[in-house]
mmCIF file of all heavy atoms, coordinates in Angstrom:
data_MODEL
# 
_entry.id   MODEL 
# 
loop_
_atom_site.group_PDB 
_atom_site.id 
_atom_site.type_symbol 
_atom_site.label_atom_id 
_atom_site.label_alt_id 
_atom_site.label_comp_id 
_atom_site.label_asym_id 
_atom_site.label_entity_id 
_atom_site.label_seq_id 
_atom_site.pdbx_PDB_ins_code 
_atom_site.Cartn_x 
_atom_site.Cartn_y 
_atom_site.Cartn_z 
_atom_site.occupancy 
_atom_site.B_iso_or_equiv 
_atom_site.pdbx_formal_charge 
_atom_site.auth_seq_id 
_atom_site.auth_comp_id 
_atom_site.auth_asym_id 
_atom_site.auth_atom_id 
_atom_site.pdbx_PDB_model_num 
ATOM 1   N N   . PHE A 1 1  ? 31.473 31.135 39.258 1.00 0.00 ? 1  PHE A N   1 
ATOM 2   C CA  . PHE A 1 1  ? 32.122 32.373 39.852 1.00 0.00 ? 1  PHE A CA  1 
ATOM 3   C C   . PHE A 1 1  ? 32.662 31.973 41.283 1.00 0.00 ? 1  PHE A C   1 
ATOM 4   O O   . PHE A 1 1  ? 33.756 32.195 41.666 1.00 0.00 ? 1  PHE A O   1 
ATOM 5   C CB  . PHE A 1 1  ? 31.067 33.455 39.987 1.00 0.00 ? 1  PHE A CB  1 
ATOM 6   C CG  . PHE A 1 1  ? 31.416 34.358 41.145 1.00 0.00 ? 1  PHE A CG  1 
ATOM 7   C CD1 . PHE A 1 1  ? 32.583 34.951 41.442 1.00 0.00 ? 1  PHE A CD1 1 
ATOM 8   C CD2 . PHE A 1 1  ? 30.194 34.600 41.971 1.00 0.00 ? 1  PHE A CD2 1 
ATOM 9   C CE1 . PHE A 1 1  ? 32.565 35.803 42.399 1.00 0.00 ? 1  PHE A CE1 1 
ATOM 10  C CE2 . PHE A 1 1  ? 30.305 35.517 43.062 1.00 0.00 ? 1  PHE A CE2 1 
ATOM 11  C CZ  . PHE A 1 1  ? 31.538 36.061 43.295 1.00 0.00 ? 1  PHE A CZ  1 
ATOM 12  N N   . LEU A 1 2  ? 31.884 31.245 42.040 1.00 0.00 ? 2  LEU A N   1 
ATOM 13  C CA  . LEU A 1 2  ? 32.263 30.824 43.425 1.00 0.00 ? 2  LEU A CA  1 
ATOM 14  C C   . LEU A 1 2  ? 33.307 29.997 43.537 1.00 0.00 ? 2  LEU A C   1 
ATOM 15  O O   . LEU A 1 2  ? 34.363 30.131 44.293 1.00 0.00 ? 2  LEU A O   1 
ATOM 16  C CB  . LEU A 1 2  ? 31.089 30.311 44.138 1.00 0.00 ? 2  LEU A CB  1 
ATOM 17  C CG  . LEU A 1 2  ? 29.821 31.326 44.381 1.00 0.00 ? 2  LEU A CG  1 
ATOM 18  C CD1 . LEU A 1 2  ? 28.650 30.666 44.987 1.00 0.00 ? 2  LEU A CD1 1 
ATOM 19  C CD2 . LEU A 1 2  ? 30.190 32.410 45.274 1.00 0.00 ? 2  LEU A CD2 1 
ATOM 20  N N   . TYR A 1 3  ? 33.386 28.941 42.654 1.00 0.00 ? 3  TYR A N   1 
ATOM 21  C CA  . TYR A 1 3  ? 34.389 27.816 42.776 1.00 0.00 ? 3  TYR A CA  1 
ATOM 22  C C   . TYR A 1 3  ? 35.723 28.331 42.143 1.00 0.00 ? 3  TYR A C   1 
ATOM 23  O O   . TYR A 1 3  ? 36.759 27.861 42.653 1.00 0.00 ? 3  TYR A O   1 
ATOM 24  C CB  . TYR A 1 3  ? 34.007 26.622 41.990 1.00 0.00 ? 3  TYR A CB  1 
ATOM 25  C CG  . TYR A 1 3  ? 32.746 26.046 42.577 1.00 0.00 ? 3  TYR A CG  1 
ATOM 26  C CD1 . TYR A 1 3  ? 31.747 25.387 41.861 1.00 0.00 ? 3  TYR A CD1 1 
ATOM 27  C CD2 . TYR A 1 3  ? 32.450 26.114 44.069 1.00 0.00 ? 3  TYR A CD2 1 
ATOM 28  C CE1 . TYR A 1 3  ? 30.618 24.747 42.475 1.00 0.00 ? 3  TYR A CE1 1 
ATOM 29  C CE2 . TYR A 1 3  ? 31.363 25.524 44.567 1.00 0.00 ? 3  TYR A CE2 1 
ATOM 30  C CZ  . TYR A 1 3  ? 30.470 24.836 43.823 1.00 0.00 ? 3  TYR A CZ  1 
ATOM 31  O OH  . TYR A 1 3  ? 29.363 24.264 44.482 1.00 0.00 ? 3  TYR A OH  1 
ATOM 32  N N   . SER A 1 4  ? 35.703 29.364 41.301 1.00 0.00 ? 4  SER A N   1 
ATOM 33  C CA  . SER A 1 4  ? 36.891 29.820 40.804 1.00 0.00 ? 4  SER A CA  1 
ATOM 34  C C   . SER A 1 4  ? 37.446 31.082 41.428 1.00 0.00 ? 4  SER A C   1 
ATOM 35  O O   . SER A 1 4  ? 38.482 31.565 41.106 1.00 0.00 ? 4  SER A O   1 
ATOM 36  C CB  . SER A 1 4  ? 36.793 30.196 39.240 1.00 0.00 ? 4  SER A CB  1 
ATOM 37  O OG  . SER A 1 4  ? 35.855 31.135 39.062 1.00 0.00 ? 4  SER A OG  1 
ATOM 38  N N   . PHE A 1 5  ? 36.660 31.548 42.389 1.00 0.00 ? 5  PHE A N   1 
ATOM 39  C CA  . PHE A 1 5  ? 36.964 32.729 43.094 1.00 0.00 ? 5  PHE A CA  1 
ATOM 40  C C   . PHE A 1 5  ? 38.419 32.826 43.810 1.00 0.00 ? 5  PHE A C   1 
ATOM 41  O O   . PHE A 1 5  ? 39.022 33.757 43.649 1.00 0.00 ? 5  PHE A O   1 
ATOM 42  C CB  . PHE A 1 5  ? 35.774 33.045 44.091 1.00 0.00 ? 5  PHE A CB  1 
ATOM 43  C CG  . PHE A 1 5  ? 36.101 34.359 44.750 1.00 0.00 ? 5  PHE A CG  1 
ATOM 44  C CD1 . PHE A 1 5  ? 35.529 35.542 44.114 1.00 0.00 ? 5  PHE A CD1 1 
ATOM 45  C CD2 . PHE A 1 5  ? 36.668 34.525 45.991 1.00 0.00 ? 5  PHE A CD2 1 
ATOM 46  C CE1 . PHE A 1 5  ? 35.703 36.809 44.575 1.00 0.00 ? 5  PHE A CE1 1 
ATOM 47  C CE2 . PHE A 1 5  ? 36.911 35.838 46.507 1.00 0.00 ? 5  PHE A CE2 1 
ATOM 48  C CZ  . PHE A 1 5  ? 36.227 36.939 45.927 1.00 0.00 ? 5  PHE A CZ  1 
ATOM 49  N N   . PRO A 1 6  ? 38.915 31.797 44.399 1.00 0.00 ? 6  PRO A N   1 
ATOM 50  C CA  . PRO A 1 6  ? 40.197 31.844 44.980 1.00 0.00 ? 6  PRO A CA  1 
ATOM 51  C C   . PRO A 1 6  ? 41.283 32.184 44.063 1.00 0.00 ? 6  PRO A C   1 
ATOM 52  O O   . PRO A 1 6  ? 42.367 32.434 44.547 1.00 0.00 ? 6  PRO A O   1 
ATOM 53  C CB  . PRO A 1 6  ? 40.397 30.462 45.636 1.00 0.00 ? 6  PRO A CB  1 
ATOM 54  C CG  . PRO A 1 6  ? 39.072 29.883 45.924 1.00 0.00 ? 6  PRO A CG  1 
ATOM 55  C CD  . PRO A 1 6  ? 38.199 30.502 44.605 1.00 0.00 ? 6  PRO A CD  1 
ATOM 56  N N   . LEU A 1 7  ? 41.045 31.986 42.753 1.00 0.00 ? 7  LEU A N   1 
ATOM 57  C CA  . LEU A 1 7  ? 42.099 32.225 41.685 1.00 0.00 ? 7  LEU A CA  1 
ATOM 58  C C   . LEU A 1 7  ? 42.029 33.622 41.195 1.00 0.00 ? 7  LEU A C   1 
ATOM 59  O O   . LEU A 1 7  ? 42.785 34.034 40.320 1.00 0.00 ? 7  LEU A O   1 
ATOM 60  C CB  . LEU A 1 7  ? 42.050 31.308 40.672 1.00 0.00 ? 7  LEU A CB  1 
ATOM 61  C CG  . LEU A 1 7  ? 42.377 29.770 41.027 1.00 0.00 ? 7  LEU A CG  1 
ATOM 62  C CD1 . LEU A 1 7  ? 42.283 28.809 39.888 1.00 0.00 ? 7  LEU A CD1 1 
ATOM 63  C CD2 . LEU A 1 7  ? 43.731 29.616 41.718 1.00 0.00 ? 7  LEU A CD2 1 
ATOM 64  N N   . LEU A 1 8  ? 40.915 34.440 41.652 1.00 0.00 ? 8  LEU A N   1 
ATOM 65  C CA  . LEU A 1 8  ? 40.810 35.749 41.072 1.00 0.00 ? 8  LEU A CA  1 
ATOM 66  C C   . LEU A 1 8  ? 41.613 36.771 41.872 1.00 0.00 ? 8  LEU A C   1 
ATOM 67  O O   . LEU A 1 8  ? 41.420 36.843 43.098 1.00 0.00 ? 8  LEU A O   1 
ATOM 68  C CB  . LEU A 1 8  ? 39.468 36.173 41.171 1.00 0.00 ? 8  LEU A CB  1 
ATOM 69  C CG  . LEU A 1 8  ? 38.479 35.283 40.323 1.00 0.00 ? 8  LEU A CG  1 
ATOM 70  C CD1 . LEU A 1 8  ? 36.955 35.587 40.487 1.00 0.00 ? 8  LEU A CD1 1 
ATOM 71  C CD2 . LEU A 1 8  ? 38.857 34.959 38.800 1.00 0.00 ? 8  LEU A CD2 1 
ATOM 72  N N   . LEU A 1 9  ? 42.575 37.355 41.337 1.00 0.00 ? 9  LEU A N   1 
ATOM 73  C CA  . LEU A 1 9  ? 43.513 38.180 42.159 1.00 0.00 ? 9  LEU A CA  1 
ATOM 74  C C   . LEU A 1 9  ? 43.094 39.553 42.341 1.00 0.00 ? 9  LEU A C   1 
ATOM 75  O O   . LEU A 1 9  ? 43.466 40.163 43.278 1.00 0.00 ? 9  LEU A O   1 
ATOM 76  C CB  . LEU A 1 9  ? 44.808 38.269 41.391 1.00 0.00 ? 9  LEU A CB  1 
ATOM 77  C CG  . LEU A 1 9  ? 45.438 36.865 41.183 1.00 0.00 ? 9  LEU A CG  1 
ATOM 78  C CD1 . LEU A 1 9  ? 46.728 36.985 40.375 1.00 0.00 ? 9  LEU A CD1 1 
ATOM 79  C CD2 . LEU A 1 9  ? 45.637 36.017 42.439 1.00 0.00 ? 9  LEU A CD2 1 
ATOM 80  N N   . LEU A 1 10 ? 42.152 40.115 41.531 1.00 0.00 ? 10 LEU A N   1 
ATOM 81  C CA  . LEU A 1 10 ? 41.605 41.431 41.695 1.00 0.00 ? 10 LEU A CA  1 
ATOM 82  C C   . LEU A 1 10 ? 40.212 41.465 41.585 1.00 0.00 ? 10 LEU A C   1 
ATOM 83  O O   . LEU A 1 10 ? 39.656 41.104 40.491 1.00 0.00 ? 10 LEU A O   1 
ATOM 84  C CB  . LEU A 1 10 ? 42.286 42.375 40.652 1.00 0.00 ? 10 LEU A CB  1 
ATOM 85  C CG  . LEU A 1 10 ? 43.737 42.636 40.708 1.00 0.00 ? 10 LEU A CG  1 
ATOM 86  C CD1 . LEU A 1 10 ? 44.265 43.425 39.587 1.00 0.00 ? 10 LEU A CD1 1 
ATOM 87  C CD2 . LEU A 1 10 ? 44.105 43.242 42.036 1.00 0.00 ? 10 LEU A CD2 1 
ATOM 88  N N   . ILE A 1 11 ? 39.445 41.669 42.581 1.00 0.00 ? 11 ILE A N   1 
ATOM 89  C CA  . ILE A 1 11 ? 38.082 41.745 42.488 1.00 0.00 ? 11 ILE A CA  1 
ATOM 90  C C   . ILE A 1 11 ? 37.460 43.041 43.092 1.00 0.00 ? 11 ILE A C   1 
ATOM 91  O O   . ILE A 1 11 ? 37.921 43.359 44.286 1.00 0.00 ? 11 ILE A O   1 
ATOM 92  C CB  . ILE A 1 11 ? 37.387 40.391 43.318 1.00 0.00 ? 11 ILE A CB  1 
ATOM 93  C CG1 . ILE A 1 11 ? 38.074 40.397 44.662 1.00 0.00 ? 11 ILE A CG1 1 
ATOM 94  C CG2 . ILE A 1 11 ? 37.566 39.176 42.518 1.00 0.00 ? 11 ILE A CG2 1 
ATOM 95  C CD1 . ILE A 1 11 ? 37.575 39.248 45.527 1.00 0.00 ? 11 ILE A CD1 1 
ATOM 96  N N   . CYS A 1 12 ? 36.611 43.666 42.414 1.00 0.00 ? 12 CYS A N   1 
ATOM 97  C CA  . CYS A 1 12 ? 35.937 44.871 42.915 1.00 0.00 ? 12 CYS A CA  1 
ATOM 98  C C   . CYS A 1 12 ? 37.114 45.920 42.701 1.00 0.00 ? 12 CYS A C   1 
ATOM 99  O O   . CYS A 1 12 ? 38.186 45.812 42.941 1.00 0.00 ? 12 CYS A O   1 
ATOM 100 C CB  . CYS A 1 12 ? 35.425 44.911 44.167 1.00 0.00 ? 12 CYS A CB  1 
ATOM 101 S SG  . CYS A 1 12 ? 34.126 43.663 44.291 1.00 0.00 ? 12 CYS A SG  1 
ATOM 102 N N   . PRO A 1 13 ? 36.654 47.109 42.316 1.00 0.00 ? 13 PRO A N   1 
ATOM 103 C CA  . PRO A 1 13 ? 37.653 48.212 42.005 1.00 0.00 ? 13 PRO A CA  1 
ATOM 104 C C   . PRO A 1 13 ? 38.320 48.502 43.249 1.00 0.00 ? 13 PRO A C   1 
ATOM 105 O O   . PRO A 1 13 ? 39.412 49.218 43.251 1.00 0.00 ? 13 PRO A O   1 
ATOM 106 C CB  . PRO A 1 13 ? 36.702 49.387 41.601 1.00 0.00 ? 13 PRO A CB  1 
ATOM 107 C CG  . PRO A 1 13 ? 35.498 48.667 40.974 1.00 0.00 ? 13 PRO A CG  1 
ATOM 108 C CD  . PRO A 1 13 ? 35.365 47.463 41.857 1.00 0.00 ? 13 PRO A CD  1 
ATOM 109 N N   . ALA A 1 14 ? 37.783 48.367 44.406 1.00 0.00 ? 14 ALA A N   1 
ATOM 110 C CA  . ALA A 1 14 ? 38.309 48.864 45.709 1.00 0.00 ? 14 ALA A CA  1 
ATOM 111 C C   . ALA A 1 14 ? 39.250 47.839 46.397 1.00 0.00 ? 14 ALA A C   1 
ATOM 112 O O   . ALA A 1 14 ? 39.627 47.960 47.553 1.00 0.00 ? 14 ALA A O   1 
ATOM 113 C CB  . ALA A 1 14 ? 37.220 49.320 46.748 1.00 0.00 ? 14 ALA A CB  1 
ATOM 114 N N   . VAL A 1 15 ? 39.407 46.629 45.853 1.00 0.00 ? 15 VAL A N   1 
ATOM 115 C CA  . VAL A 1 15 ? 40.128 45.476 46.558 1.00 0.00 ? 15 VAL A CA  1 
ATOM 116 C C   . VAL A 1 15 ? 41.243 45.051 45.753 1.00 0.00 ? 15 VAL A C   1 
ATOM 117 O O   . VAL A 1 15 ? 41.150 44.835 44.472 1.00 0.00 ? 15 VAL A O   1 
ATOM 118 C CB  . VAL A 1 15 ? 39.174 44.461 46.903 1.00 0.00 ? 15 VAL A CB  1 
ATOM 119 C CG1 . VAL A 1 15 ? 39.881 43.240 47.587 1.00 0.00 ? 15 VAL A CG1 1 
ATOM 120 C CG2 . VAL A 1 15 ? 38.057 44.968 47.850 1.00 0.00 ? 15 VAL A CG2 1 
ATOM 121 N N   . SER A 1 16 ? 42.334 44.776 46.241 1.00 0.00 ? 16 SER A N   1 
ATOM 122 C CA  . SER A 1 16 ? 43.554 44.234 45.650 1.00 0.00 ? 16 SER A CA  1 
ATOM 123 C C   . SER A 1 16 ? 43.859 42.814 46.230 1.00 0.00 ? 16 SER A C   1 
ATOM 124 O O   . SER A 1 16 ? 43.704 42.647 47.368 1.00 0.00 ? 16 SER A O   1 
ATOM 125 C CB  . SER A 1 16 ? 44.811 45.008 45.821 1.00 0.00 ? 16 SER A CB  1 
ATOM 126 O OG  . SER A 1 16 ? 45.914 44.270 45.423 1.00 0.00 ? 16 SER A OG  1 
ATOM 127 N N   . ALA A 1 17 ? 44.038 41.864 45.388 1.00 0.00 ? 17 ALA A N   1 
ATOM 128 C CA  . ALA A 1 17 ? 44.330 40.520 45.846 1.00 0.00 ? 17 ALA A CA  1 
ATOM 129 C C   . ALA A 1 17 ? 45.682 40.085 45.822 1.00 0.00 ? 17 ALA A C   1 
ATOM 130 O O   . ALA A 1 17 ? 46.078 38.991 45.928 1.00 0.00 ? 17 ALA A O   1 
ATOM 131 C CB  . ALA A 1 17 ? 43.530 39.494 44.960 1.00 0.00 ? 17 ALA A CB  1 
ATOM 132 N N   . ALA A 1 18 ? 46.472 41.295 45.873 1.00 0.00 ? 18 ALA A N   1 
ATOM 133 C CA  . ALA A 1 18 ? 48.033 40.977 45.900 1.00 0.00 ? 18 ALA A CA  1 
ATOM 134 C C   . ALA A 1 18 ? 48.434 40.423 47.308 1.00 0.00 ? 18 ALA A C   1 
ATOM 135 O O   . ALA A 1 18 ? 47.782 40.880 48.255 1.00 0.00 ? 18 ALA A O   1 
ATOM 136 C CB  . ALA A 1 18 ? 48.789 42.300 45.724 1.00 0.00 ? 18 ALA A CB  1 
ATOM 137 N N   . PRO A 1 19 ? 49.473 39.675 47.445 1.00 0.00 ? 19 PRO A N   1 
ATOM 138 C CA  . PRO A 1 19 ? 49.773 39.134 48.730 1.00 0.00 ? 19 PRO A CA  1 
ATOM 139 C C   . PRO A 1 19 ? 50.298 40.349 49.613 1.00 0.00 ? 19 PRO A C   1 
ATOM 140 O O   . PRO A 1 19 ? 50.818 41.463 49.104 1.00 0.00 ? 19 PRO A O   1 
ATOM 141 C CB  . PRO A 1 19 ? 51.070 38.308 48.430 1.00 0.00 ? 19 PRO A CB  1 
ATOM 142 C CG  . PRO A 1 19 ? 50.733 37.795 46.959 1.00 0.00 ? 19 PRO A CG  1 
ATOM 143 C CD  . PRO A 1 19 ? 50.116 38.971 46.339 1.00 0.00 ? 19 PRO A CD  1 
ATOM 144 N N   . LEU A 1 20 ? 50.059 40.217 50.884 1.00 0.00 ? 20 LEU A N   1 
ATOM 145 C CA  . LEU A 1 20 ? 50.273 41.357 51.757 1.00 0.00 ? 20 LEU A CA  1 
ATOM 146 C C   . LEU A 1 20 ? 51.770 41.809 51.748 1.00 0.00 ? 20 LEU A C   1 
ATOM 147 O O   . LEU A 1 20 ? 52.001 42.939 52.044 1.00 0.00 ? 20 LEU A O   1 
ATOM 148 C CB  . LEU A 1 20 ? 49.878 41.080 53.167 1.00 0.00 ? 20 LEU A CB  1 
ATOM 149 C CG  . LEU A 1 20 ? 48.339 40.781 53.188 1.00 0.00 ? 20 LEU A CG  1 
ATOM 150 C CD1 . LEU A 1 20 ? 48.001 40.401 54.721 1.00 0.00 ? 20 LEU A CD1 1 
ATOM 151 C CD2 . LEU A 1 20 ? 47.494 41.919 52.876 1.00 0.00 ? 20 LEU A CD2 1 
ATOM 152 N N   . GLU A 1 21 ? 52.624 40.838 51.532 1.00 0.00 ? 21 GLU A N   1 
ATOM 153 C CA  . GLU A 1 21 ? 54.038 41.166 51.628 1.00 0.00 ? 21 GLU A CA  1 
ATOM 154 C C   . GLU A 1 21 ? 54.628 41.743 50.307 1.00 0.00 ? 21 GLU A C   1 
ATOM 155 O O   . GLU A 1 21 ? 55.654 42.150 50.193 1.00 0.00 ? 21 GLU A O   1 
ATOM 156 C CB  . GLU A 1 21 ? 54.829 39.839 51.996 1.00 0.00 ? 21 GLU A CB  1 
ATOM 157 C CG  . GLU A 1 21 ? 54.846 38.949 50.893 1.00 0.00 ? 21 GLU A CG  1 
ATOM 158 C CD  . GLU A 1 21 ? 53.597 37.968 51.090 1.00 0.00 ? 21 GLU A CD  1 
ATOM 159 O OE1 . GLU A 1 21 ? 52.685 38.180 51.942 1.00 0.00 ? 21 GLU A OE1 1 
ATOM 160 O OE2 . GLU A 1 21 ? 53.720 36.791 50.450 1.00 0.00 ? 21 GLU A OE2 1 
ATOM 161 N N   . ASP A 1 22 ? 53.809 41.753 49.325 1.00 0.00 ? 22 ASP A N   1 
ATOM 162 C CA  . ASP A 1 22 ? 54.267 42.288 48.000 1.00 0.00 ? 22 ASP A CA  1 
ATOM 163 C C   . ASP A 1 22 ? 54.021 43.771 47.892 1.00 0.00 ? 22 ASP A C   1 
ATOM 164 O O   . ASP A 1 22 ? 52.906 44.325 47.775 1.00 0.00 ? 22 ASP A O   1 
ATOM 165 C CB  . ASP A 1 22 ? 53.332 41.545 46.891 1.00 0.00 ? 22 ASP A CB  1 
ATOM 166 C CG  . ASP A 1 22 ? 53.930 41.935 45.453 1.00 0.00 ? 22 ASP A CG  1 
ATOM 167 O OD1 . ASP A 1 22 ? 54.680 42.835 45.382 1.00 0.00 ? 22 ASP A OD1 1 
ATOM 168 O OD2 . ASP A 1 22 ? 53.547 41.304 44.521 1.00 0.00 ? 22 ASP A OD2 1 
ATOM 169 N N   . ALA A 1 23 ? 55.092 44.474 48.085 1.00 0.00 ? 23 ALA A N   1 
ATOM 170 C CA  . ALA A 1 23 ? 54.961 45.869 48.288 1.00 0.00 ? 23 ALA A CA  1 
ATOM 171 C C   . ALA A 1 23 ? 54.817 46.576 46.798 1.00 0.00 ? 23 ALA A C   1 
ATOM 172 O O   . ALA A 1 23 ? 54.447 47.820 46.721 1.00 0.00 ? 23 ALA A O   1 
ATOM 173 C CB  . ALA A 1 23 ? 56.337 46.562 48.887 1.00 0.00 ? 23 ALA A CB  1 
ATOM 174 N N   . ASP A 1 24 ? 54.951 45.865 45.770 1.00 0.00 ? 24 ASP A N   1 
ATOM 175 C CA  . ASP A 1 24 ? 54.865 46.500 44.507 1.00 0.00 ? 24 ASP A CA  1 
ATOM 176 C C   . ASP A 1 24 ? 53.348 46.471 44.013 1.00 0.00 ? 24 ASP A C   1 
ATOM 177 O O   . ASP A 1 24 ? 53.164 47.076 42.990 1.00 0.00 ? 24 ASP A O   1 
ATOM 178 C CB  . ASP A 1 24 ? 55.548 45.603 43.431 1.00 0.00 ? 24 ASP A CB  1 
ATOM 179 C CG  . ASP A 1 24 ? 57.122 45.651 43.686 1.00 0.00 ? 24 ASP A CG  1 
ATOM 180 O OD1 . ASP A 1 24 ? 57.508 46.875 44.423 1.00 0.00 ? 24 ASP A OD1 1 
ATOM 181 O OD2 . ASP A 1 24 ? 57.894 44.801 43.368 1.00 0.00 ? 24 ASP A OD2 1 
# 
């Protein structure tokens, strides 16, 4: 889980891993 974490784009219901500049 820890080592693959940087590739997880959406973690936890309250957090989005979308890039900040992606308005969509």
